[in-house]
Structure formats: structure tokens, C-alpha cells
N, C-alpha and C. Protein backbone atom coordinates (compact mmCIF):
# COMPACT_ATOMS: atom_id res chain seq x y z
N UNK A 1 46.97 123.13 71.63
CA UNK A 1 47.54 122.55 71.71
C UNK A 1 48.59 122.90 71.84
N UNK A 2 49.59 123.31 72.54
CA UNK A 2 51.15 123.72 72.90
C UNK A 2 50.56 122.98 74.03
N UNK A 3 50.22 123.62 74.56
CA UNK A 3 49.80 122.45 76.28
C UNK A 3 50.03 121.23 76.03
N UNK A 4 48.44 121.02 75.20
CA UNK A 4 49.34 118.69 74.89
C UNK A 4 50.77 118.99 74.46
N UNK A 5 51.58 119.95 74.07
CA UNK A 5 52.40 119.08 73.77
C UNK A 5 53.38 119.15 74.15
N UNK A 6 53.65 120.35 75.54
CA UNK A 6 54.56 120.65 76.26
C UNK A 6 54.47 118.98 77.05
N UNK A 7 53.21 118.81 77.52
CA UNK A 7 52.98 117.79 78.45
C UNK A 7 53.70 116.10 78.36
N UNK A 8 53.21 116.01 76.31
CA UNK A 8 54.02 115.27 76.37
C UNK A 8 55.24 115.29 76.24
N UNK A 9 56.36 116.62 75.72
CA UNK A 9 57.74 116.95 75.76
C UNK A 9 57.71 116.45 77.10
N UNK A 10 57.73 116.43 78.35
CA UNK A 10 58.02 116.71 80.21
C UNK A 10 57.56 115.15 79.89
N UNK A 11 56.99 114.82 79.64
CA UNK A 11 56.53 113.08 79.90
C UNK A 11 57.68 112.39 79.40
N UNK A 12 58.04 112.87 78.01
CA UNK A 12 58.95 112.06 77.47
C UNK A 12 60.13 112.45 78.24
N UNK A 13 60.42 113.18 78.54
CA UNK A 13 62.04 113.95 78.98
C UNK A 13 61.85 113.32 80.49
N UNK A 14 60.48 112.50 81.04
CA UNK A 14 60.75 111.95 82.60
C UNK A 14 61.43 110.10 82.32
N UNK A 15 60.96 110.11 81.12
CA UNK A 15 61.24 108.90 80.75
C UNK A 15 62.44 108.17 80.06
N UNK A 16 62.41 109.03 79.84
CA UNK A 16 64.06 108.79 79.31
C UNK A 16 64.87 109.28 80.96
N UNK A 17 64.37 110.28 81.55
CA UNK A 17 65.97 110.30 82.90
C UNK A 17 65.61 108.87 83.67
N UNK A 18 64.27 108.86 83.63
CA UNK A 18 63.77 106.85 84.14
C UNK A 18 64.66 106.45 83.86
N UNK A 19 64.87 105.72 83.00
CA UNK A 19 65.08 104.57 82.21
C UNK A 19 66.44 105.06 82.84
N UNK A 20 67.48 106.14 82.53
CA UNK A 20 68.84 106.44 82.48
C UNK A 20 68.77 106.18 83.92
N UNK A 21 68.12 106.20 84.93
CA UNK A 21 68.56 105.68 86.34
C UNK A 21 68.90 104.57 86.47
N UNK A 22 67.66 103.53 85.73
CA UNK A 22 67.65 102.33 85.51
C UNK A 22 68.60 102.07 85.55
N UNK A 23 68.80 102.13 84.85
CA UNK A 23 70.31 101.95 83.86
C UNK A 23 71.85 102.04 84.44
N UNK A 24 71.26 103.03 85.06
CA UNK A 24 73.03 103.30 85.74
C UNK A 24 73.20 102.43 86.87
N UNK A 25 72.20 102.42 87.30
CA UNK A 25 71.99 101.51 88.80
C UNK A 25 72.38 100.42 88.92
N UNK A 26 71.57 99.50 87.60
CA UNK A 26 72.06 98.03 87.13
C UNK A 26 73.53 97.70 87.64
N UNK A 27 73.85 98.90 86.12
CA UNK A 27 74.95 99.20 86.32
C UNK A 27 76.14 99.56 87.25
N UNK A 28 76.15 99.92 88.58
CA UNK A 28 76.91 100.05 89.65
C UNK A 28 76.58 98.75 90.07
N UNK A 29 75.12 97.97 90.45
CA UNK A 29 75.60 96.59 91.39
C UNK A 29 76.21 96.30 90.88
N UNK A 30 77.03 95.13 89.33
CA UNK A 30 76.86 94.65 89.23
C UNK A 30 78.60 95.41 88.81
N UNK A 31 78.76 96.58 89.21
CA UNK A 31 80.12 96.62 89.27
C UNK A 31 80.87 95.75 91.01
N UNK A 32 79.33 97.03 91.77
CA UNK A 32 79.56 96.25 93.18
C UNK A 32 80.57 95.55 93.91
N UNK A 33 80.83 94.63 92.82
CA UNK A 33 80.99 93.18 94.29
C UNK A 33 82.73 93.79 93.73
N UNK A 34 82.71 94.08 92.79
CA UNK A 34 84.62 94.32 92.72
C UNK A 34 84.77 95.14 94.40
N UNK A 35 83.81 96.15 94.39
CA UNK A 35 84.75 96.81 95.42
C UNK A 35 84.32 96.76 96.39
N UNK A 36 83.86 95.35 96.81
CA UNK A 36 84.32 94.91 98.33
C UNK A 36 85.38 93.98 98.30
N UNK A 37 86.30 93.32 96.99
CA UNK A 37 87.24 93.30 97.23
C UNK A 37 88.04 93.75 98.72
N UNK A 38 89.35 93.49 99.43
CA UNK A 38 90.50 93.80 100.38
C UNK A 38 90.40 95.13 100.03
N UNK A 39 91.38 95.09 98.70
CA UNK A 39 91.82 95.79 97.95
C UNK A 39 91.25 96.98 97.50
N UNK A 40 89.87 97.12 96.83
CA UNK A 40 89.40 97.92 96.97
C UNK A 40 88.74 98.85 98.07
N UNK A 41 88.35 97.91 99.02
CA UNK A 41 88.37 99.32 100.43
C UNK A 41 89.92 99.12 101.36
N UNK A 42 90.76 99.02 100.65
CA UNK A 42 91.88 99.22 101.88
C UNK A 42 92.97 99.81 101.47
N UNK A 43 93.43 100.11 100.33
CA UNK A 43 93.68 100.87 99.73
C UNK A 43 93.95 101.91 99.01
N UNK A 44 94.32 102.94 98.96
CA UNK A 44 94.25 104.35 98.52
C UNK A 44 93.69 105.40 99.44
N UNK A 45 93.60 104.91 100.86
CA UNK A 45 92.41 105.97 101.34
C UNK A 45 92.50 106.35 102.16
N UNK A 46 92.40 107.13 103.12
CA UNK A 46 93.32 107.67 104.08
C UNK A 46 92.54 107.39 105.14
N UNK A 47 93.62 106.47 106.02
CA UNK A 47 92.90 106.26 107.86
C UNK A 47 93.70 106.46 108.58
N UNK A 48 92.52 107.00 110.07
CA UNK A 48 93.64 107.85 110.82
C UNK A 48 93.25 106.83 112.04
N UNK A 49 93.81 107.76 112.84
CA UNK A 49 93.54 106.45 114.02
C UNK A 49 93.06 106.42 115.07
N UNK A 50 92.28 105.56 115.16
CA UNK A 50 90.71 105.55 116.43
C UNK A 50 91.64 105.23 117.35
N UNK A 51 92.02 104.50 117.30
CA UNK A 51 92.20 103.60 118.25
C UNK A 51 93.42 102.63 119.12
N UNK A 52 94.71 102.27 119.59
CA UNK A 52 95.60 102.23 119.69
C UNK A 52 95.97 100.43 120.61
N UNK A 53 96.28 100.01 120.81
CA UNK A 53 96.46 98.62 122.21
C UNK A 53 97.67 98.78 121.62
N UNK A 54 98.75 98.41 123.04
CA UNK A 54 100.44 97.41 122.89
C UNK A 54 100.31 96.53 123.94
N UNK A 55 100.97 95.68 123.71
CA UNK A 55 101.30 94.11 124.38
C UNK A 55 100.05 93.41 124.28
N UNK A 56 98.94 93.91 123.04
CA UNK A 56 98.05 92.90 122.44
C UNK A 56 98.01 90.88 122.26
N UNK A 57 97.15 90.71 122.69
CA UNK A 57 97.30 89.45 122.93
C UNK A 57 96.27 88.36 122.97
N UNK A 58 95.75 87.46 122.85
CA UNK A 58 94.75 86.48 122.21
C UNK A 58 93.81 85.86 123.29
N UNK A 59 94.91 86.56 125.09
CA UNK A 59 94.63 86.60 126.62
C UNK A 59 94.31 87.83 127.23
N UNK A 60 94.98 88.39 126.71
CA UNK A 60 95.83 89.79 127.00
C UNK A 60 94.70 90.97 126.27
N UNK A 61 93.62 92.12 126.28
CA UNK A 61 93.43 92.71 125.57
C UNK A 61 94.26 94.13 125.29
N UNK A 62 95.68 94.08 126.13
CA UNK A 62 97.17 95.06 126.36
C UNK A 62 96.12 96.13 126.84
N UNK A 63 97.26 97.17 126.67
CA UNK A 63 97.22 98.10 127.38
C UNK A 63 97.57 99.76 126.73
N UNK A 64 95.76 99.96 126.58
CA UNK A 64 95.30 101.50 125.59
C UNK A 64 96.40 102.58 125.55
N UNK A 65 96.94 102.68 124.51
CA UNK A 65 97.58 104.23 124.46
C UNK A 65 97.79 105.14 124.40
N UNK A 66 96.29 104.66 123.24
CA UNK A 66 95.86 105.71 122.55
C UNK A 66 94.41 105.60 121.98
N UNK A 67 93.46 106.78 122.47
CA UNK A 67 92.19 106.65 121.80
C UNK A 67 91.30 107.83 121.28
N UNK A 68 90.98 108.53 119.93
CA UNK A 68 90.81 109.83 119.53
C UNK A 68 90.08 110.53 120.42
N UNK A 69 90.44 111.20 120.52
CA UNK A 69 89.97 112.29 121.49
C UNK A 69 89.93 111.18 123.14
N UNK A 70 90.80 110.94 123.77
CA UNK A 70 90.76 111.30 124.93
C UNK A 70 91.72 111.80 125.02
N UNK A 71 91.53 111.66 126.84
CA UNK A 71 92.78 113.30 127.18
C UNK A 71 94.35 112.71 128.79
N UNK A 72 93.94 111.44 128.48
CA UNK A 72 95.15 110.65 128.74
C UNK A 72 95.74 109.93 128.25
N UNK A 73 95.90 110.62 127.01
CA UNK A 73 97.04 109.87 126.26
C UNK A 73 98.20 109.27 126.38
N UNK A 74 99.20 108.50 126.27
CA UNK A 74 100.65 108.02 126.25
C UNK A 74 101.18 108.44 124.74
N UNK A 75 100.02 108.15 124.05
CA UNK A 75 100.72 108.76 122.64
C UNK A 75 99.99 109.42 122.09
N UNK A 76 100.60 110.74 121.36
CA UNK A 76 99.49 111.54 119.93
C UNK A 76 99.53 111.06 119.22
N UNK A 77 98.21 110.69 118.80
CA UNK A 77 98.07 109.91 117.09
C UNK A 77 97.07 110.66 116.26
N UNK A 78 96.90 112.20 116.93
CA UNK A 78 95.50 112.89 116.03
C UNK A 78 96.01 113.65 115.17
N UNK A 79 97.22 113.21 114.49
CA UNK A 79 97.50 114.10 112.56
C UNK A 79 98.44 113.10 112.15
N UNK A 80 97.70 111.59 112.62
CA UNK A 80 98.10 110.89 111.67
C UNK A 80 97.48 109.65 111.30
N UNK A 81 98.03 110.05 109.85
CA UNK A 81 97.47 109.14 108.74
C UNK A 81 97.75 107.84 107.99
N UNK A 82 97.37 107.49 107.64
CA UNK A 82 98.13 105.93 106.78
C UNK A 82 97.06 105.80 105.34
N UNK A 83 97.76 106.38 104.75
CA UNK A 83 97.61 105.64 102.82
C UNK A 83 98.73 104.18 102.40
N UNK A 84 98.02 103.72 102.04
CA UNK A 84 98.98 102.74 101.66
C UNK A 84 98.06 102.31 100.01
N UNK A 85 98.67 102.74 98.48
CA UNK A 85 98.55 102.71 97.74
C UNK A 85 98.59 101.15 97.07
N UNK A 86 98.50 101.03 95.91
CA UNK A 86 97.93 99.80 95.36
C UNK A 86 99.48 99.51 94.56
N UNK A 87 100.19 100.18 94.32
CA UNK A 87 101.97 99.98 94.13
C UNK A 87 103.06 99.54 94.74
N UNK A 88 102.24 99.46 95.97
CA UNK A 88 103.02 98.29 97.48
C UNK A 88 103.42 100.08 97.93
N UNK A 89 104.09 101.08 97.93
CA UNK A 89 104.03 102.27 98.57
C UNK A 89 102.98 102.42 99.86
N UNK A 90 103.53 103.02 100.69
CA UNK A 90 103.08 103.57 102.08
C UNK A 90 103.18 104.59 102.80
N UNK A 91 102.36 105.71 102.97
CA UNK A 91 102.83 106.86 103.57
C UNK A 91 102.07 106.94 105.03
N UNK A 92 102.93 107.26 105.72
CA UNK A 92 102.63 107.05 106.54
C UNK A 92 102.80 109.44 107.36
N UNK A 93 101.72 109.88 107.08
CA UNK A 93 101.13 111.45 107.20
C UNK A 93 101.05 111.73 109.04
N UNK A 94 102.02 112.71 109.39
CA UNK A 94 101.99 112.94 110.96
C UNK A 94 102.14 114.83 111.11
N UNK A 95 101.45 115.06 111.13
CA UNK A 95 100.75 116.31 111.18
C UNK A 95 101.75 116.99 110.25
N UNK A 96 101.55 116.80 109.37
CA UNK A 96 102.10 117.37 107.43
C UNK A 96 103.25 117.01 106.81
N UNK A 97 104.28 116.06 108.26
CA UNK A 97 105.72 115.26 108.13
C UNK A 97 105.11 113.55 107.05
N UNK A 98 105.59 113.72 105.98
CA UNK A 98 105.73 112.29 105.54
C UNK A 98 106.79 111.22 104.95
N UNK A 99 105.85 110.44 105.50
CA UNK A 99 107.65 109.39 105.66
C UNK A 99 106.97 108.43 104.83
N UNK A 100 107.94 107.91 104.31
CA UNK A 100 107.61 107.12 102.70
C UNK A 100 108.01 105.46 103.18
N UNK A 101 107.22 104.35 103.23
CA UNK A 101 107.39 103.06 102.86
C UNK A 101 107.16 102.29 101.94
N UNK A 102 107.59 100.76 101.94
CA UNK A 102 107.00 99.82 101.82
C UNK A 102 106.08 98.81 102.28
N UNK A 103 105.32 98.20 101.59
CA UNK A 103 104.85 97.18 101.83
C UNK A 103 104.06 96.04 100.82
N UNK A 104 104.40 94.97 100.91
CA UNK A 104 104.21 94.03 100.24
C UNK A 104 103.00 92.70 100.99
N UNK A 105 101.87 92.24 100.57
CA UNK A 105 100.70 90.98 100.56
C UNK A 105 101.63 90.32 100.99
N UNK A 106 101.47 89.53 101.99
CA UNK A 106 102.00 88.06 102.33
C UNK A 106 101.15 86.21 101.45
N UNK A 107 100.03 87.13 101.44
CA UNK A 107 99.06 85.88 101.41
C UNK A 107 98.26 85.98 99.75
N UNK A 108 96.64 85.17 99.55
CA UNK A 108 96.91 85.66 98.19
C UNK A 108 95.54 86.52 98.76
N UNK A 109 94.62 86.65 99.20
CA UNK A 109 93.45 87.13 100.35
C UNK A 109 94.09 88.67 100.43
N UNK A 110 95.07 89.08 100.24
CA UNK A 110 95.38 90.44 100.75
C UNK A 110 95.04 91.13 102.09
N UNK A 111 95.48 89.59 103.37
CA UNK A 111 94.82 90.39 104.78
C UNK A 111 96.43 90.01 105.57
N UNK A 112 97.00 89.63 105.12
CA UNK A 112 98.85 89.14 105.37
C UNK A 112 99.43 90.42 105.10
N UNK A 113 99.81 91.31 105.54
CA UNK A 113 101.03 92.61 105.22
C UNK A 113 102.68 92.27 105.68
N UNK A 114 103.51 92.80 104.79
CA UNK A 114 104.99 92.58 105.61
C UNK A 114 105.40 94.14 105.41
N UNK A 115 105.24 94.71 105.89
CA UNK A 115 105.53 96.23 106.23
C UNK A 115 107.11 96.45 106.49
N UNK A 116 107.59 97.44 105.10
CA UNK A 116 109.18 97.87 105.84
C UNK A 116 109.03 99.13 106.26
N UNK A 117 109.68 99.00 106.99
CA UNK A 117 109.29 101.05 107.88
C UNK A 117 110.69 100.83 109.24
N UNK A 118 111.80 101.48 108.82
CA UNK A 118 112.79 100.33 108.00
C UNK A 118 112.77 98.73 107.98
N UNK A 119 112.51 98.62 108.82
CA UNK A 119 113.12 96.76 109.28
C UNK A 119 111.57 96.01 108.87
N UNK A 120 111.87 94.82 109.18
CA UNK A 120 110.08 93.86 108.66
C UNK A 120 108.99 94.22 109.73
N UNK A 121 108.03 94.24 109.19
CA UNK A 121 106.70 94.08 110.15
C UNK A 121 105.50 93.37 109.83
N UNK A 122 105.44 92.91 110.47
CA UNK A 122 104.22 92.04 110.14
C UNK A 122 103.26 91.94 110.44
N UNK A 123 102.14 92.46 110.04
CA UNK A 123 100.63 92.92 110.51
C UNK A 123 99.67 92.05 109.82
N UNK A 124 98.38 91.73 110.48
CA UNK A 124 97.58 91.20 109.78
C UNK A 124 95.88 91.92 109.90
N UNK A 125 94.97 92.25 108.30
CA UNK A 125 93.92 92.27 108.73
C UNK A 125 93.37 91.50 109.16
N UNK A 126 92.65 92.01 110.74
CA UNK A 126 91.71 91.12 110.78
C UNK A 126 90.14 91.77 110.85
N UNK A 127 89.83 93.12 110.50
CA UNK A 127 88.75 93.34 110.03
C UNK A 127 88.97 94.75 109.10
N UNK A 128 87.88 94.56 108.11
CA UNK A 128 87.77 95.71 107.23
C UNK A 128 86.24 95.94 106.37
N UNK A 129 86.23 97.20 106.79
CA UNK A 129 85.09 97.96 106.13
C UNK A 129 85.12 99.04 104.82
N UNK A 130 83.91 99.55 104.98
CA UNK A 130 84.46 100.69 103.82
C UNK A 130 85.25 101.47 104.50
N UNK A 131 84.54 101.93 106.11
CA UNK A 131 85.34 102.88 107.05
C UNK A 131 85.58 102.13 107.96
N UNK A 132 86.25 101.18 108.12
CA UNK A 132 86.30 100.58 109.39
C UNK A 132 87.97 99.78 109.06
N UNK A 133 88.53 99.81 109.44
CA UNK A 133 89.73 98.88 109.68
C UNK A 133 90.45 98.67 110.75
N UNK A 134 90.61 97.49 111.33
CA UNK A 134 91.67 96.78 112.42
C UNK A 134 92.84 95.79 111.85
N UNK A 135 94.15 95.92 112.81
CA UNK A 135 95.40 95.24 112.11
C UNK A 135 96.11 95.29 113.31
N UNK A 136 96.68 94.00 113.23
CA UNK A 136 96.92 93.15 114.30
C UNK A 136 98.57 93.36 113.89
N UNK A 137 99.12 94.30 114.73
CA UNK A 137 100.76 93.96 114.23
C UNK A 137 101.52 93.12 114.61
N UNK A 138 101.76 91.24 114.18
CA UNK A 138 102.59 90.23 115.09
C UNK A 138 103.92 91.06 115.65
N UNK A 139 104.56 91.45 114.47
CA UNK A 139 106.01 92.28 115.15
C UNK A 139 106.07 92.52 116.94
N UNK A 140 105.02 93.63 117.09
CA UNK A 140 105.33 94.31 118.03
C UNK A 140 104.20 94.79 118.67
N UNK A 141 103.30 93.05 119.16
CA UNK A 141 102.62 93.00 119.48
C UNK A 141 101.12 94.20 119.88
N UNK A 142 100.42 95.26 119.03
CA UNK A 142 99.53 95.94 118.74
C UNK A 142 98.60 95.80 117.89
N UNK A 143 97.85 96.61 118.19
CA UNK A 143 96.00 95.79 118.07
C UNK A 143 95.91 97.32 117.56
N UNK A 144 95.45 97.85 115.97
CA UNK A 144 95.20 99.31 115.86
C UNK A 144 93.82 99.20 115.17
N UNK A 145 93.37 100.32 115.76
CA UNK A 145 91.69 100.80 114.48
C UNK A 145 91.59 102.25 114.07
N UNK A 146 91.19 101.94 113.30
CA UNK A 146 91.69 103.23 112.60
C UNK A 146 90.14 103.50 111.60
N UNK A 147 89.86 104.74 110.92
CA UNK A 147 88.46 105.04 110.82
C UNK A 147 89.14 105.77 109.11
N UNK A 148 88.02 105.43 108.21
CA UNK A 148 88.52 106.38 107.12
C UNK A 148 87.95 107.43 107.11
N UNK A 149 88.88 108.14 106.51
CA UNK A 149 88.99 109.85 106.43
C UNK A 149 88.55 110.40 105.03
N UNK A 150 87.48 111.03 104.74
CA UNK A 150 87.12 110.75 102.74
C UNK A 150 88.10 111.80 103.06
């Protein structure tokens, strides 16, 4: 009789666990659409520079001045991290030194930025996934590729 009770109890616990997993995965599916917004993918994350091109325009890919892991970089951005906070604060971290600036979104889909660092700098998000960010800096004709650093 003990073995039957133990088996029944174990089966009931397993059914409850499976139903909890099913319900919580349904909840994740419902909330995941909000996670695809520009704000959710972009803000509050640490972005490290993967590569930087200067003098970039539609007909010229520009000059590569930094490539992570590269040996002939004109700039050293290995210790450079950018964090854009939802309150409009922007942190630049360069090898432990912090510089605080501000930014504002310039359009309703949050892809055009006005960065105040300290002067005005206009930029546009070209591509954005959960792990990759490309920004075109129209003020300085630069194209920056970033990777998310968890």
C-alpha cells in the first residue's frame, strides 16, 4: 500500500509541475511581444564596441578605425561600454572612468537619437536585436557596431 501511495503522490506532484511550467510559458509568450520594443532591447544594457568606421556614407563604407581583437586599430575601444538608461541618462565607461551625458529620442519609434555629449550629436539606430546594435552617427559620419555584454 505504501508503494501505491508514493507512486500516486509522485504522479500528482509531476502533473502539478507540468501544469505550472505550461502556465508560466504561456505567460512568457504573452509578455514577449513587449520585449521586442526598441526600449526593451536597447535601454539599460551594456553595449561594447565591436567595430567603428569613420567617414561612412551611403556610397563609401568609410575607414575602419577599430575592430575588437584587431591589432592595427587607430583607436583603442576595448574597455569602452555604453549604457543608455530609460530616464535619458547615457553612461560612457572607458576602462573604469565614467562620463555621464544625456539623450532624447527624436521620433515615435525610438530609432533617432539626439545625444548631448556635451554638444548635440544626432544618431540613428540602423539595426537592433537583443545582442547586436548598429548606430549611424550623422553628426560625425561614423558607423558603430555594438554587441550586448551581459
